[in-house]
Amino acid sequence: MAANRDRQRQAKPGKSLFGRIEPNRIGSRKRSNKKQGLSVVNGRLVSSNDVGVLLREASRTVEARKTPGGRRRAVKVTQGSTRKRAKPGPVITTTERNGNRHNKLVISTSSDVTDKLLLFNNLELGVNQESLKSVLEELSNTSIARVRVRDLPSGSATANVWLARPTAEELERVRKFFDGALVDGRTIKVSTVADSDTKLSY
């Protein structure tokens, strides 16, 4: 009987060394993946190295944190700045003279033109901004702060021209000087516009 048990013990294969250490290897691989960094984004497990996915998730988080109050404050600031730039209109004041009330019309002739610029229309496509600036300064005998040219899909270009020292008289003088002029075979149109109006088109 003892001999039989010895033969069965010898015949039954024991667990190999590879079999004993294989589960540890699997656990080791799981731990190494964890060290690389995994994140759950929209219910999916992604690597921390997936920058695109993480950036999109961060962007959505920032958008979600925006409050309606913040948007209202931004609107209020914009409206406030618009009111500051509004032109002063006629002011009617009431005064008393010898005990009698009467209306006195007070008209303000001062106008703020610091936000005004000249808009040139129907220019040739591909006009160089610096070259145009030099030509305009030389012909009009005025100092120009900067020029911005924009090509349009219609086949023409427009140019925004900011004078260095704008006044109502200087803007009108330069406008009349170039309005209707023939530039590169094109009759251009020049108008005075507010700086805020041009920002909407760029």
N, C-alpha and C. Protein backbone atom coordinates (compact mmCIF):
# COMPACT_ATOMS: atom_id res chain seq x y z
N MET A 1 0.84 -1.20 0.00
CA MET A 1 0.00 0.00 0.00
C MET A 1 0.87 1.24 0.00
N ALA A 2 1.91 1.24 0.82
CA ALA A 2 2.80 2.41 0.88
C ALA A 2 3.50 2.61 -0.44
N ALA A 3 3.86 1.49 -1.10
CA ALA A 3 4.54 1.59 -2.40
C ALA A 3 3.62 2.17 -3.44
N ASN A 4 2.30 1.77 -3.37
CA ASN A 4 1.31 2.31 -4.31
C ASN A 4 1.19 3.83 -4.18
N ARG A 5 1.08 4.30 -2.91
CA ARG A 5 0.94 5.75 -2.67
C ARG A 5 2.17 6.48 -3.19
N ASP A 6 3.36 5.87 -3.03
CA ASP A 6 4.57 6.53 -3.52
C ASP A 6 4.55 6.64 -5.03
N ARG A 7 4.06 5.55 -5.72
CA ARG A 7 4.01 5.60 -7.19
C ARG A 7 3.01 6.64 -7.67
N GLN A 8 1.81 6.75 -7.00
CA GLN A 8 0.80 7.75 -7.40
C GLN A 8 1.34 9.16 -7.19
N ARG A 9 2.08 9.35 -6.06
CA ARG A 9 2.63 10.68 -5.77
C ARG A 9 3.65 11.06 -6.83
N GLN A 10 4.43 10.04 -7.31
CA GLN A 10 5.43 10.33 -8.33
C GLN A 10 4.79 10.54 -9.68
N ALA A 11 3.67 9.81 -9.98
CA ALA A 11 3.03 9.94 -11.30
C ALA A 11 2.30 11.25 -11.44
N LYS A 12 1.71 11.79 -10.33
CA LYS A 12 0.91 13.03 -10.41
C LYS A 12 1.85 14.20 -10.58
N PRO A 13 1.71 14.91 -11.71
CA PRO A 13 2.65 16.02 -11.96
C PRO A 13 2.42 17.15 -10.98
N GLY A 14 3.46 17.71 -10.42
CA GLY A 14 3.35 18.85 -9.52
C GLY A 14 3.24 20.15 -10.30
N LYS A 15 2.88 21.22 -9.62
CA LYS A 15 2.73 22.54 -10.26
C LYS A 15 4.10 23.06 -10.61
N SER A 16 4.27 23.41 -11.86
CA SER A 16 5.59 23.85 -12.33
C SER A 16 5.94 25.20 -11.73
N LEU A 17 7.23 25.58 -11.83
CA LEU A 17 7.70 26.86 -11.33
C LEU A 17 7.05 28.00 -12.11
N PHE A 18 6.89 27.80 -13.43
CA PHE A 18 6.26 28.81 -14.26
C PHE A 18 4.82 29.06 -13.84
N GLY A 19 4.11 27.96 -13.53
CA GLY A 19 2.72 28.09 -13.11
C GLY A 19 2.60 28.81 -11.79
N ARG A 20 3.60 28.64 -10.92
CA ARG A 20 3.50 29.29 -9.62
C ARG A 20 3.78 30.79 -9.70
N ILE A 21 4.61 31.20 -10.63
CA ILE A 21 4.95 32.64 -10.66
C ILE A 21 4.11 33.42 -11.68
N GLU A 22 3.33 32.75 -12.55
CA GLU A 22 2.54 33.43 -13.57
C GLU A 22 1.53 34.42 -12.98
N PRO A 23 0.77 34.06 -11.93
CA PRO A 23 -0.16 35.06 -11.38
C PRO A 23 0.55 36.31 -10.88
N ASN A 24 1.74 36.15 -10.32
CA ASN A 24 2.48 37.32 -9.87
C ASN A 24 2.86 38.22 -11.03
N ARG A 25 3.18 37.60 -12.18
CA ARG A 25 3.53 38.41 -13.34
C ARG A 25 2.34 39.23 -13.82
N ILE A 26 1.17 38.62 -13.82
CA ILE A 26 -0.04 39.35 -14.23
C ILE A 26 -0.28 40.52 -13.29
N GLY A 27 -0.13 40.25 -11.99
CA GLY A 27 -0.32 41.34 -11.02
C GLY A 27 0.71 42.43 -11.22
N SER A 28 1.92 42.02 -11.59
CA SER A 28 2.97 43.02 -11.82
C SER A 28 2.63 43.90 -12.99
N ARG A 29 2.06 43.28 -14.08
CA ARG A 29 1.69 44.08 -15.24
C ARG A 29 0.58 45.06 -14.90
N LYS A 30 -0.37 44.64 -14.08
CA LYS A 30 -1.45 45.53 -13.69
C LYS A 30 -0.92 46.71 -12.90
N ARG A 31 0.03 46.42 -12.00
CA ARG A 31 0.59 47.51 -11.20
C ARG A 31 1.40 48.47 -12.06
N SER A 32 2.10 47.95 -13.09
CA SER A 32 2.89 48.84 -13.94
C SER A 32 1.97 49.74 -14.75
N ASN A 33 0.80 49.21 -15.22
CA ASN A 33 -0.15 50.05 -15.93
C ASN A 33 -0.68 51.16 -15.04
N LYS A 34 -0.87 50.82 -13.80
CA LYS A 34 -1.40 51.82 -12.87
C LYS A 34 -0.40 52.94 -12.65
N LYS A 35 0.90 52.58 -12.67
CA LYS A 35 1.91 53.62 -12.46
C LYS A 35 1.94 54.59 -13.62
N GLN A 36 1.62 54.11 -14.85
CA GLN A 36 1.62 54.99 -16.01
C GLN A 36 0.55 56.06 -15.89
N GLY A 37 -0.52 55.81 -15.18
CA GLY A 37 -1.57 56.79 -14.98
C GLY A 37 -2.75 56.55 -15.90
N LEU A 38 -3.90 56.25 -15.33
CA LEU A 38 -5.11 56.04 -16.10
C LEU A 38 -6.18 56.97 -15.57
N SER A 39 -7.01 57.48 -16.47
CA SER A 39 -8.08 58.38 -16.09
C SER A 39 -9.36 57.94 -16.78
N VAL A 40 -10.48 58.22 -16.13
CA VAL A 40 -11.78 57.89 -16.70
C VAL A 40 -12.35 59.16 -17.30
N VAL A 41 -12.58 59.18 -18.62
CA VAL A 41 -13.14 60.32 -19.32
C VAL A 41 -14.35 59.86 -20.10
N ASN A 42 -15.53 60.41 -19.74
CA ASN A 42 -16.78 60.02 -20.39
C ASN A 42 -17.01 58.51 -20.32
N GLY A 43 -16.66 57.92 -19.17
CA GLY A 43 -16.89 56.49 -18.97
C GLY A 43 -15.87 55.59 -19.63
N ARG A 44 -14.81 56.17 -20.22
CA ARG A 44 -13.77 55.37 -20.86
C ARG A 44 -12.47 55.52 -20.10
N LEU A 45 -11.72 54.42 -20.03
CA LEU A 45 -10.42 54.42 -19.35
C LEU A 45 -9.35 54.80 -20.38
N VAL A 46 -8.72 55.94 -20.17
CA VAL A 46 -7.70 56.42 -21.10
C VAL A 46 -6.40 56.64 -20.35
N SER A 47 -5.31 56.60 -21.09
CA SER A 47 -4.00 56.84 -20.50
C SER A 47 -3.81 58.31 -20.22
N SER A 48 -3.01 58.61 -19.19
CA SER A 48 -2.72 60.01 -18.87
C SER A 48 -1.92 60.67 -19.98
N ASN A 49 -1.31 59.87 -20.86
CA ASN A 49 -0.55 60.42 -21.96
C ASN A 49 -1.44 60.86 -23.12
N ASP A 50 -2.73 60.51 -23.08
CA ASP A 50 -3.66 60.92 -24.13
C ASP A 50 -4.02 62.38 -23.92
N VAL A 51 -3.17 63.28 -24.39
CA VAL A 51 -3.32 64.70 -24.11
C VAL A 51 -4.58 65.26 -24.74
N GLY A 52 -4.91 64.82 -25.95
CA GLY A 52 -6.09 65.35 -26.63
C GLY A 52 -7.36 65.12 -25.86
N VAL A 53 -7.55 63.89 -25.36
CA VAL A 53 -8.76 63.57 -24.61
C VAL A 53 -8.82 64.38 -23.32
N LEU A 54 -7.70 64.46 -22.62
CA LEU A 54 -7.68 65.18 -21.35
C LEU A 54 -7.89 66.68 -21.53
N LEU A 55 -7.36 67.24 -22.60
CA LEU A 55 -7.56 68.66 -22.86
C LEU A 55 -9.02 68.96 -23.16
N ARG A 56 -9.65 68.10 -23.93
CA ARG A 56 -11.07 68.32 -24.23
C ARG A 56 -11.91 68.22 -22.97
N GLU A 57 -11.56 67.28 -22.10
CA GLU A 57 -12.29 67.14 -20.84
C GLU A 57 -12.08 68.37 -19.96
N ALA A 58 -10.85 68.89 -19.92
CA ALA A 58 -10.57 70.09 -19.13
C ALA A 58 -11.32 71.28 -19.67
N SER A 59 -11.44 71.38 -20.99
CA SER A 59 -12.18 72.49 -21.60
C SER A 59 -13.64 72.44 -21.23
N ARG A 60 -14.23 71.22 -21.24
CA ARG A 60 -15.63 71.09 -20.85
C ARG A 60 -15.83 71.44 -19.38
N THR A 61 -14.85 71.10 -18.55
CA THR A 61 -14.95 71.42 -17.12
C THR A 61 -14.93 72.92 -16.89
N VAL A 62 -14.07 73.62 -17.61
CA VAL A 62 -14.00 75.08 -17.47
C VAL A 62 -15.30 75.73 -17.92
N GLU A 63 -15.87 75.24 -19.03
CA GLU A 63 -17.13 75.80 -19.52
C GLU A 63 -18.25 75.59 -18.51
N ALA A 64 -18.24 74.40 -17.86
CA ALA A 64 -19.29 74.10 -16.90
C ALA A 64 -19.21 74.99 -15.67
N ARG A 65 -17.99 75.47 -15.35
CA ARG A 65 -17.81 76.30 -14.16
C ARG A 65 -18.22 77.75 -14.37
N LYS A 66 -18.44 78.14 -15.62
CA LYS A 66 -18.84 79.52 -15.89
C LYS A 66 -20.24 79.76 -15.33
N THR A 67 -20.41 80.87 -14.64
CA THR A 67 -21.70 81.18 -14.03
C THR A 67 -22.41 82.25 -14.83
N PRO A 68 -23.77 82.26 -14.78
CA PRO A 68 -24.51 83.34 -15.46
C PRO A 68 -24.11 84.71 -14.95
N GLY A 69 -23.75 84.81 -13.67
CA GLY A 69 -23.34 86.09 -13.11
C GLY A 69 -22.12 86.65 -13.81
N GLY A 70 -21.17 85.79 -14.17
CA GLY A 70 -19.98 86.23 -14.87
C GLY A 70 -20.32 86.81 -16.23
N ARG A 71 -21.28 86.16 -16.93
CA ARG A 71 -21.67 86.68 -18.23
C ARG A 71 -22.38 88.01 -18.09
N ARG A 72 -23.20 88.17 -17.04
CA ARG A 72 -23.89 89.45 -16.85
C ARG A 72 -22.90 90.55 -16.57
N ARG A 73 -21.85 90.25 -15.78
CA ARG A 73 -20.86 91.27 -15.48
C ARG A 73 -20.14 91.70 -16.75
N ALA A 74 -19.86 90.74 -17.65
CA ALA A 74 -19.16 91.10 -18.89
C ALA A 74 -20.02 92.01 -19.75
N VAL A 75 -21.33 91.74 -19.80
CA VAL A 75 -22.23 92.58 -20.58
C VAL A 75 -22.29 93.97 -19.99
N LYS A 76 -22.34 94.08 -18.67
CA LYS A 76 -22.41 95.37 -18.03
C LYS A 76 -21.17 96.20 -18.32
N VAL A 77 -20.01 95.57 -18.32
CA VAL A 77 -18.77 96.30 -18.61
C VAL A 77 -18.79 96.81 -20.03
N THR A 78 -19.24 95.98 -20.97
CA THR A 78 -19.30 96.39 -22.37
C THR A 78 -20.26 97.55 -22.56
N GLN A 79 -21.42 97.46 -21.93
CA GLN A 79 -22.38 98.53 -22.06
C GLN A 79 -21.87 99.81 -21.43
N GLY A 80 -21.15 99.68 -20.32
CA GLY A 80 -20.60 100.86 -19.67
C GLY A 80 -19.59 101.55 -20.54
N SER A 81 -18.70 100.76 -21.19
CA SER A 81 -17.69 101.35 -22.05
C SER A 81 -18.34 102.01 -23.26
N THR A 82 -19.46 101.42 -23.74
CA THR A 82 -20.14 102.02 -24.88
C THR A 82 -20.73 103.38 -24.51
N ARG A 83 -21.28 103.47 -23.29
CA ARG A 83 -21.86 104.75 -22.88
C ARG A 83 -20.79 105.82 -22.75
N LYS A 84 -19.59 105.42 -22.30
CA LYS A 84 -18.52 106.40 -22.15
C LYS A 84 -18.09 106.97 -23.49
N ARG A 85 -18.18 106.16 -24.55
CA ARG A 85 -17.71 106.60 -25.84
C ARG A 85 -18.78 107.30 -26.64
N ALA A 86 -19.98 107.41 -26.11
CA ALA A 86 -21.07 108.06 -26.83
C ALA A 86 -20.78 109.55 -26.98
N LYS A 87 -21.20 110.09 -28.11
CA LYS A 87 -20.99 111.50 -28.36
C LYS A 87 -21.86 112.34 -27.43
N PRO A 88 -21.32 113.43 -26.89
CA PRO A 88 -22.14 114.32 -26.06
C PRO A 88 -23.15 115.05 -26.92
N GLY A 89 -24.42 114.94 -26.59
CA GLY A 89 -25.47 115.60 -27.36
C GLY A 89 -25.85 116.93 -26.74
N PRO A 90 -26.81 117.62 -27.35
CA PRO A 90 -27.27 118.89 -26.79
C PRO A 90 -27.86 118.71 -25.39
N VAL A 91 -27.57 119.62 -24.50
CA VAL A 91 -28.04 119.55 -23.13
C VAL A 91 -28.90 120.76 -22.85
N ILE A 92 -30.10 120.53 -22.33
CA ILE A 92 -31.00 121.61 -21.97
C ILE A 92 -31.03 121.74 -20.46
N THR A 93 -30.70 122.91 -19.97
CA THR A 93 -30.67 123.14 -18.53
C THR A 93 -31.70 124.20 -18.17
N THR A 94 -32.17 124.13 -16.95
CA THR A 94 -33.15 125.09 -16.46
C THR A 94 -32.49 125.97 -15.41
N THR A 95 -32.56 127.27 -15.61
CA THR A 95 -31.98 128.24 -14.67
C THR A 95 -33.04 129.23 -14.22
N GLU A 96 -32.71 129.93 -13.20
CA GLU A 96 -33.63 130.94 -12.68
C GLU A 96 -32.99 132.32 -12.80
N ARG A 97 -33.76 133.29 -13.27
CA ARG A 97 -33.29 134.66 -13.38
C ARG A 97 -34.39 135.58 -12.87
N ASN A 98 -34.07 136.33 -11.83
CA ASN A 98 -35.04 137.23 -11.19
C ASN A 98 -36.28 136.48 -10.75
N GLY A 99 -36.06 135.25 -10.29
CA GLY A 99 -37.18 134.47 -9.77
C GLY A 99 -38.01 133.81 -10.84
N ASN A 100 -37.73 134.05 -12.11
CA ASN A 100 -38.50 133.45 -13.19
C ASN A 100 -37.72 132.29 -13.80
N ARG A 101 -38.39 131.15 -13.94
CA ARG A 101 -37.75 129.98 -14.53
C ARG A 101 -37.82 130.06 -16.05
N HIS A 102 -36.73 129.76 -16.72
CA HIS A 102 -36.75 129.70 -18.17
C HIS A 102 -35.74 128.66 -18.64
N ASN A 103 -35.95 128.15 -19.84
CA ASN A 103 -35.07 127.14 -20.41
C ASN A 103 -33.93 127.78 -21.16
N LYS A 104 -32.75 127.27 -20.96
CA LYS A 104 -31.57 127.75 -21.65
C LYS A 104 -30.95 126.58 -22.41
N LEU A 105 -30.87 126.73 -23.73
CA LEU A 105 -30.33 125.67 -24.58
C LEU A 105 -28.82 125.77 -24.62
N VAL A 106 -28.14 124.70 -24.17
CA VAL A 106 -26.69 124.66 -24.19
C VAL A 106 -26.27 123.58 -25.17
N ILE A 107 -25.54 123.95 -26.22
CA ILE A 107 -25.10 123.01 -27.24
C ILE A 107 -23.60 122.81 -27.12
N SER A 108 -23.19 121.55 -26.99
CA SER A 108 -21.78 121.23 -26.92
C SER A 108 -21.25 120.95 -28.34
N THR A 109 -20.24 121.72 -28.75
CA THR A 109 -19.69 121.55 -30.09
C THR A 109 -18.47 120.64 -30.11
N SER A 110 -17.99 120.25 -28.93
CA SER A 110 -16.82 119.37 -28.89
C SER A 110 -17.24 117.94 -29.19
N SER A 111 -16.44 117.27 -30.01
CA SER A 111 -16.74 115.88 -30.37
C SER A 111 -15.48 115.06 -30.23
N ASP A 112 -15.64 113.86 -29.69
CA ASP A 112 -14.51 112.96 -29.48
C ASP A 112 -14.32 112.11 -30.73
N VAL A 113 -13.17 112.26 -31.40
CA VAL A 113 -12.92 111.50 -32.63
C VAL A 113 -11.75 110.54 -32.46
N THR A 114 -11.36 110.29 -31.21
CA THR A 114 -10.23 109.38 -30.98
C THR A 114 -10.54 107.96 -31.43
N ASP A 115 -11.82 107.62 -31.52
CA ASP A 115 -12.18 106.26 -31.95
C ASP A 115 -12.59 106.23 -33.42
N LYS A 116 -12.31 107.30 -34.17
CA LYS A 116 -12.67 107.35 -35.59
C LYS A 116 -11.47 106.99 -36.47
N LEU A 117 -11.79 106.42 -37.62
CA LEU A 117 -10.75 106.08 -38.60
C LEU A 117 -11.33 106.21 -39.99
N LEU A 118 -10.47 106.10 -40.98
CA LEU A 118 -10.89 106.20 -42.38
C LEU A 118 -10.95 104.80 -42.99
N LEU A 119 -12.04 104.52 -43.69
CA LEU A 119 -12.23 103.22 -44.33
C LEU A 119 -12.14 103.40 -45.84
N PHE A 120 -11.13 102.78 -46.44
CA PHE A 120 -10.93 102.83 -47.89
C PHE A 120 -11.53 101.57 -48.51
N ASN A 121 -12.43 101.75 -49.49
CA ASN A 121 -13.08 100.62 -50.16
C ASN A 121 -12.66 100.55 -51.63
N ASN A 122 -12.77 99.34 -52.19
CA ASN A 122 -12.52 99.07 -53.61
C ASN A 122 -11.05 99.21 -53.98
N LEU A 123 -10.17 98.78 -53.10
CA LEU A 123 -8.74 98.74 -53.41
C LEU A 123 -8.41 97.45 -54.16
N GLU A 124 -7.25 97.45 -54.81
CA GLU A 124 -6.78 96.25 -55.52
C GLU A 124 -6.39 95.17 -54.50
N LEU A 125 -6.60 93.92 -54.87
CA LEU A 125 -6.21 92.81 -54.00
C LEU A 125 -4.69 92.77 -53.84
N GLY A 126 -4.25 92.37 -52.65
CA GLY A 126 -2.83 92.19 -52.40
C GLY A 126 -2.06 93.46 -52.15
N VAL A 127 -2.74 94.53 -51.72
CA VAL A 127 -2.05 95.79 -51.43
C VAL A 127 -1.17 95.62 -50.19
N ASN A 128 0.06 96.09 -50.29
CA ASN A 128 0.98 96.02 -49.15
C ASN A 128 0.65 97.13 -48.15
N GLN A 129 0.48 96.76 -46.90
CA GLN A 129 0.06 97.73 -45.88
C GLN A 129 1.07 98.86 -45.69
N GLU A 130 2.34 98.51 -45.58
CA GLU A 130 3.36 99.53 -45.34
C GLU A 130 3.52 100.45 -46.55
N SER A 131 3.45 99.90 -47.75
CA SER A 131 3.54 100.73 -48.95
C SER A 131 2.37 101.70 -49.03
N LEU A 132 1.16 101.19 -48.74
CA LEU A 132 -0.02 102.05 -48.76
C LEU A 132 0.10 103.16 -47.72
N LYS A 133 0.60 102.83 -46.55
CA LYS A 133 0.77 103.83 -45.49
C LYS A 133 1.71 104.95 -45.94
N SER A 134 2.83 104.59 -46.56
CA SER A 134 3.79 105.59 -47.02
C SER A 134 3.19 106.49 -48.09
N VAL A 135 2.46 105.90 -49.03
CA VAL A 135 1.85 106.68 -50.11
C VAL A 135 0.81 107.64 -49.56
N LEU A 136 -0.03 107.17 -48.66
CA LEU A 136 -1.07 108.03 -48.10
C LEU A 136 -0.48 109.19 -47.31
N GLU A 137 0.57 108.92 -46.54
CA GLU A 137 1.21 109.99 -45.77
C GLU A 137 1.84 111.03 -46.68
N GLU A 138 2.48 110.58 -47.75
CA GLU A 138 3.16 111.51 -48.66
C GLU A 138 2.16 112.38 -49.42
N LEU A 139 1.06 111.77 -49.89
CA LEU A 139 0.10 112.53 -50.70
C LEU A 139 -0.75 113.46 -49.85
N SER A 140 -1.16 113.02 -48.66
CA SER A 140 -2.07 113.83 -47.83
C SER A 140 -1.33 114.74 -46.87
N ASN A 141 -0.01 114.57 -46.75
CA ASN A 141 0.79 115.39 -45.83
C ASN A 141 0.26 115.29 -44.40
N THR A 142 -0.02 114.07 -43.96
CA THR A 142 -0.49 113.84 -42.60
C THR A 142 0.22 112.62 -42.03
N SER A 143 0.22 112.51 -40.72
CA SER A 143 0.88 111.39 -40.06
C SER A 143 -0.14 110.28 -39.80
N ILE A 144 0.19 109.07 -40.21
CA ILE A 144 -0.71 107.92 -40.07
C ILE A 144 -0.11 106.95 -39.06
N ALA A 145 -0.92 106.55 -38.10
CA ALA A 145 -0.45 105.64 -37.06
C ALA A 145 -0.29 104.22 -37.59
N ARG A 146 -1.31 103.71 -38.25
CA ARG A 146 -1.23 102.35 -38.78
C ARG A 146 -2.28 102.13 -39.85
N VAL A 147 -2.07 101.10 -40.65
CA VAL A 147 -2.99 100.73 -41.73
C VAL A 147 -3.20 99.23 -41.68
N ARG A 148 -4.45 98.82 -41.84
CA ARG A 148 -4.76 97.38 -41.88
C ARG A 148 -5.55 97.10 -43.15
N VAL A 149 -5.02 96.21 -43.99
CA VAL A 149 -5.65 95.87 -45.27
C VAL A 149 -6.29 94.50 -45.16
N ARG A 150 -7.47 94.39 -45.76
CA ARG A 150 -8.17 93.10 -45.75
C ARG A 150 -8.69 92.80 -47.15
N ASP A 151 -8.31 91.63 -47.69
CA ASP A 151 -8.81 91.19 -48.99
C ASP A 151 -10.19 90.56 -48.82
N LEU A 152 -11.10 90.90 -49.74
CA LEU A 152 -12.47 90.41 -49.66
C LEU A 152 -12.72 89.36 -50.75
N PRO A 153 -13.65 88.43 -50.51
CA PRO A 153 -13.98 87.42 -51.53
C PRO A 153 -14.55 88.04 -52.80
N SER A 154 -15.04 89.27 -52.72
CA SER A 154 -15.64 89.92 -53.89
C SER A 154 -14.61 90.33 -54.93
N GLY A 155 -13.32 90.24 -54.61
CA GLY A 155 -12.29 90.60 -55.56
C GLY A 155 -11.69 91.96 -55.34
N SER A 156 -12.05 92.61 -54.24
CA SER A 156 -11.47 93.91 -53.89
C SER A 156 -10.95 93.85 -52.47
N ALA A 157 -10.33 94.94 -52.04
CA ALA A 157 -9.77 94.99 -50.69
C ALA A 157 -10.23 96.27 -50.00
N THR A 158 -10.24 96.23 -48.67
CA THR A 158 -10.53 97.41 -47.88
C THR A 158 -9.32 97.71 -46.99
N ALA A 159 -9.22 98.97 -46.58
CA ALA A 159 -8.11 99.37 -45.72
C ALA A 159 -8.64 100.27 -44.61
N ASN A 160 -8.30 99.93 -43.38
CA ASN A 160 -8.59 100.79 -42.24
C ASN A 160 -7.36 101.65 -41.97
N VAL A 161 -7.57 102.95 -41.89
CA VAL A 161 -6.46 103.89 -41.73
C VAL A 161 -6.68 104.71 -40.47
N TRP A 162 -5.76 104.58 -39.51
CA TRP A 162 -5.82 105.34 -38.26
C TRP A 162 -4.85 106.51 -38.35
N LEU A 163 -5.34 107.74 -38.17
CA LEU A 163 -4.46 108.90 -38.14
C LEU A 163 -3.75 108.97 -36.80
N ALA A 164 -2.53 109.50 -36.81
CA ALA A 164 -1.75 109.60 -35.58
C ALA A 164 -2.36 110.62 -34.62
N ARG A 165 -2.84 111.74 -35.17
CA ARG A 165 -3.48 112.78 -34.34
C ARG A 165 -4.82 113.15 -34.97
N PRO A 166 -5.82 112.31 -34.77
CA PRO A 166 -7.09 112.55 -35.45
C PRO A 166 -7.88 113.72 -34.86
N THR A 167 -8.38 114.55 -35.71
CA THR A 167 -9.34 115.60 -35.35
C THR A 167 -10.46 115.53 -36.38
N ALA A 168 -11.59 116.15 -36.05
CA ALA A 168 -12.72 116.12 -36.98
C ALA A 168 -12.35 116.78 -38.30
N GLU A 169 -11.62 117.89 -38.23
CA GLU A 169 -11.23 118.61 -39.44
C GLU A 169 -10.23 117.80 -40.27
N GLU A 170 -9.26 117.17 -39.60
CA GLU A 170 -8.23 116.42 -40.33
C GLU A 170 -8.82 115.17 -40.98
N LEU A 171 -9.69 114.48 -40.26
CA LEU A 171 -10.33 113.31 -40.84
C LEU A 171 -11.13 113.67 -42.09
N GLU A 172 -11.88 114.76 -42.02
CA GLU A 172 -12.69 115.18 -43.16
C GLU A 172 -11.81 115.64 -44.33
N ARG A 173 -10.72 116.33 -44.03
CA ARG A 173 -9.82 116.79 -45.09
C ARG A 173 -9.20 115.61 -45.84
N VAL A 174 -8.70 114.62 -45.08
CA VAL A 174 -8.08 113.46 -45.72
C VAL A 174 -9.11 112.63 -46.46
N ARG A 175 -10.29 112.52 -45.90
CA ARG A 175 -11.36 111.75 -46.56
C ARG A 175 -11.70 112.36 -47.91
N LYS A 176 -11.91 113.68 -47.93
CA LYS A 176 -12.25 114.34 -49.19
C LYS A 176 -11.11 114.26 -50.20
N PHE A 177 -9.88 114.27 -49.70
CA PHE A 177 -8.73 114.23 -50.59
C PHE A 177 -8.67 112.94 -51.39
N PHE A 178 -8.98 111.79 -50.75
CA PHE A 178 -8.85 110.50 -51.41
C PHE A 178 -10.17 109.96 -51.95
N ASP A 179 -11.29 110.45 -51.48
CA ASP A 179 -12.58 109.92 -51.92
C ASP A 179 -12.78 110.17 -53.42
N GLY A 180 -13.06 109.11 -54.17
CA GLY A 180 -13.25 109.21 -55.61
C GLY A 180 -11.97 109.19 -56.41
N ALA A 181 -10.82 109.00 -55.74
CA ALA A 181 -9.55 108.96 -56.46
C ALA A 181 -9.41 107.64 -57.22
N LEU A 182 -8.61 107.68 -58.28
CA LEU A 182 -8.38 106.50 -59.10
C LEU A 182 -7.08 105.85 -58.64
N VAL A 183 -7.17 104.65 -58.05
CA VAL A 183 -6.01 103.93 -57.52
C VAL A 183 -5.93 102.57 -58.22
N ASP A 184 -4.84 102.35 -58.97
CA ASP A 184 -4.64 101.09 -59.70
C ASP A 184 -5.83 100.77 -60.59
N GLY A 185 -6.38 101.80 -61.26
CA GLY A 185 -7.50 101.59 -62.17
C GLY A 185 -8.84 101.45 -61.49
N ARG A 186 -8.90 101.64 -60.18
CA ARG A 186 -10.16 101.51 -59.43
C ARG A 186 -10.51 102.84 -58.78
N THR A 187 -11.79 103.19 -58.83
CA THR A 187 -12.27 104.38 -58.13
C THR A 187 -12.58 104.00 -56.70
N ILE A 188 -11.86 104.56 -55.75
CA ILE A 188 -12.03 104.17 -54.36
C ILE A 188 -13.05 105.06 -53.66
N LYS A 189 -13.63 104.52 -52.62
CA LYS A 189 -14.59 105.24 -51.79
C LYS A 189 -14.04 105.30 -50.37
N VAL A 190 -14.01 106.49 -49.79
CA VAL A 190 -13.45 106.68 -48.45
C VAL A 190 -14.54 107.23 -47.54
N SER A 191 -14.67 106.64 -46.37
CA SER A 191 -15.66 107.09 -45.39
C SER A 191 -15.05 107.09 -44.00
N THR A 192 -15.66 107.87 -43.12
CA THR A 192 -15.23 107.91 -41.71
C THR A 192 -16.13 107.00 -40.90
N VAL A 193 -15.53 106.08 -40.17
CA VAL A 193 -16.29 105.12 -39.38
C VAL A 193 -15.71 105.04 -37.98
N ALA A 194 -16.48 104.43 -37.08
CA ALA A 194 -16.02 104.22 -35.71
C ALA A 194 -15.15 102.97 -35.65
N ASP A 195 -14.16 103.00 -34.77
CA ASP A 195 -13.26 101.86 -34.63
C ASP A 195 -14.02 100.61 -34.23
N SER A 196 -15.05 100.76 -33.39
CA SER A 196 -15.81 99.60 -32.93
C SER A 196 -16.54 98.91 -34.07
N ASP A 197 -16.94 99.67 -35.10
CA ASP A 197 -17.65 99.08 -36.24
C ASP A 197 -16.73 98.18 -37.05
N THR A 198 -15.46 98.56 -37.19
CA THR A 198 -14.54 97.75 -38.00
C THR A 198 -14.15 96.48 -37.28
N LYS A 199 -14.15 96.46 -35.95
CA LYS A 199 -13.77 95.25 -35.20
C LYS A 199 -14.75 94.12 -35.43
N LEU A 200 -16.00 94.44 -35.75
CA LEU A 200 -16.99 93.40 -35.97
C LEU A 200 -16.75 92.64 -37.25
N SER A 201 -16.03 93.23 -38.20
CA SER A 201 -15.83 92.58 -39.49
C SER A 201 -14.51 91.85 -39.58
N TYR A 202 -13.66 91.93 -38.53
CA TYR A 202 -12.36 91.25 -38.56
C TYR A 202 -12.40 90.05 -37.65
